[in-house]
Amino acid sequence: MFRRNKKKSKKPNLLEMSEAERVQLIKDVKKKLQQKNIEAKLWHLLLEAESITVNGNIVWGENQQLSGFYLRI
């Protein structure tokens, strides 16, 4: 039987973590989820738009890649 070498992901054991580590982990996960949610909303808006112009420069068009656009949150 052929077995693939799979990387074992380290799953954090919340019971073995200190309170500070748990709080930090939860904050990190929450931040990543918020970023993914914002990114999904941005892509949804981009897909609905024909083009987006910022300061006279087209940063998004139907037939081109997204360029020169940075969203700070």
Protein backbone atom coordinates (compact mmCIF):
# COMPACT_ATOMS: atom_id res chain seq x y z
CA MET A 1 0.00 0.00 0.00
CA PHE A 2 1.33 3.44 -1.01
CA ARG A 3 1.31 6.16 1.62
CA ARG A 4 1.84 9.81 0.91
CA ASN A 5 3.99 11.86 3.18
CA LYS A 6 1.58 14.44 4.46
CA LYS A 7 2.71 17.34 6.56
CA LYS A 8 1.08 17.08 9.91
CA SER A 9 -0.41 20.40 10.78
CA LYS A 10 0.20 21.46 14.32
CA LYS A 11 -3.18 21.89 15.87
CA PRO A 12 -3.01 23.98 18.99
CA ASN A 13 -4.25 22.30 22.13
CA LEU A 14 -6.20 24.97 23.94
CA LEU A 15 -6.18 23.00 27.16
CA GLU A 16 -2.37 23.01 27.27
CA MET A 17 -2.01 26.73 26.48
CA SER A 18 -1.70 29.48 28.99
CA GLU A 19 -4.50 32.03 29.19
CA ALA A 20 -2.34 34.66 27.46
CA GLU A 21 -1.53 32.28 24.57
CA ARG A 22 -5.23 31.42 24.13
CA VAL A 23 -6.20 35.09 24.05
CA GLN A 24 -3.48 35.86 21.48
CA LEU A 25 -4.49 32.88 19.32
CA ILE A 26 -8.13 33.94 19.35
CA LYS A 27 -7.17 37.52 18.44
CA ASP A 28 -5.02 36.28 15.55
CA VAL A 29 -7.76 33.99 14.22
CA LYS A 30 -10.34 36.77 14.52
CA LYS A 31 -8.09 39.19 12.62
CA LYS A 32 -7.46 36.67 9.83
CA LEU A 33 -11.18 35.97 9.48
CA GLN A 34 -11.95 39.70 9.31
CA GLN A 35 -9.29 40.16 6.61
CA LYS A 36 -10.68 37.25 4.56
CA ASN A 37 -14.19 38.66 4.90
CA ILE A 38 -13.08 42.11 3.72
CA GLU A 39 -11.15 40.57 0.82
CA ALA A 40 -14.21 38.56 -0.24
CA LYS A 41 -16.38 41.69 -0.14
CA LEU A 42 -13.80 43.61 -2.19
CA TRP A 43 -13.64 40.89 -4.85
CA HIS A 44 -17.43 40.79 -4.99
CA LEU A 45 -17.53 44.54 -5.58
CA LEU A 46 -14.80 44.31 -8.22
CA LEU A 47 -16.64 41.60 -10.10
CA GLU A 48 -19.74 43.79 -10.27
CA ALA A 49 -17.85 46.87 -11.54
CA GLU A 50 -16.81 47.46 -15.14
CA SER A 51 -13.85 49.58 -14.06
CA ILE A 52 -12.58 51.47 -11.02
CA THR A 53 -10.66 54.73 -11.29
CA VAL A 54 -8.65 56.25 -8.44
CA ASN A 55 -7.18 59.73 -8.92
CA GLY A 56 -7.65 59.44 -12.67
CA ASN A 57 -5.85 56.09 -12.93
CA ILE A 58 -7.78 52.94 -13.83
CA VAL A 59 -6.87 50.38 -11.19
CA TRP A 60 -9.45 47.76 -12.19
CA GLY A 61 -10.99 46.89 -15.52
CA GLU A 62 -12.87 43.88 -16.80
CA ASN A 63 -9.96 42.81 -19.02
CA GLN A 64 -7.00 43.66 -16.78
CA GLN A 65 -5.54 42.66 -13.45
CA LEU A 66 -5.97 44.73 -10.32
CA SER A 67 -3.07 47.18 -10.04
CA GLY A 68 -2.04 50.14 -7.92
CA PHE A 69 -4.68 49.63 -5.28
CA TYR A 70 -4.11 49.31 -1.55
CA LEU A 71 -6.82 49.08 1.10
CA ARG A 72 -5.82 49.93 4.66
CA ILE A 73 -8.17 48.94 7.43
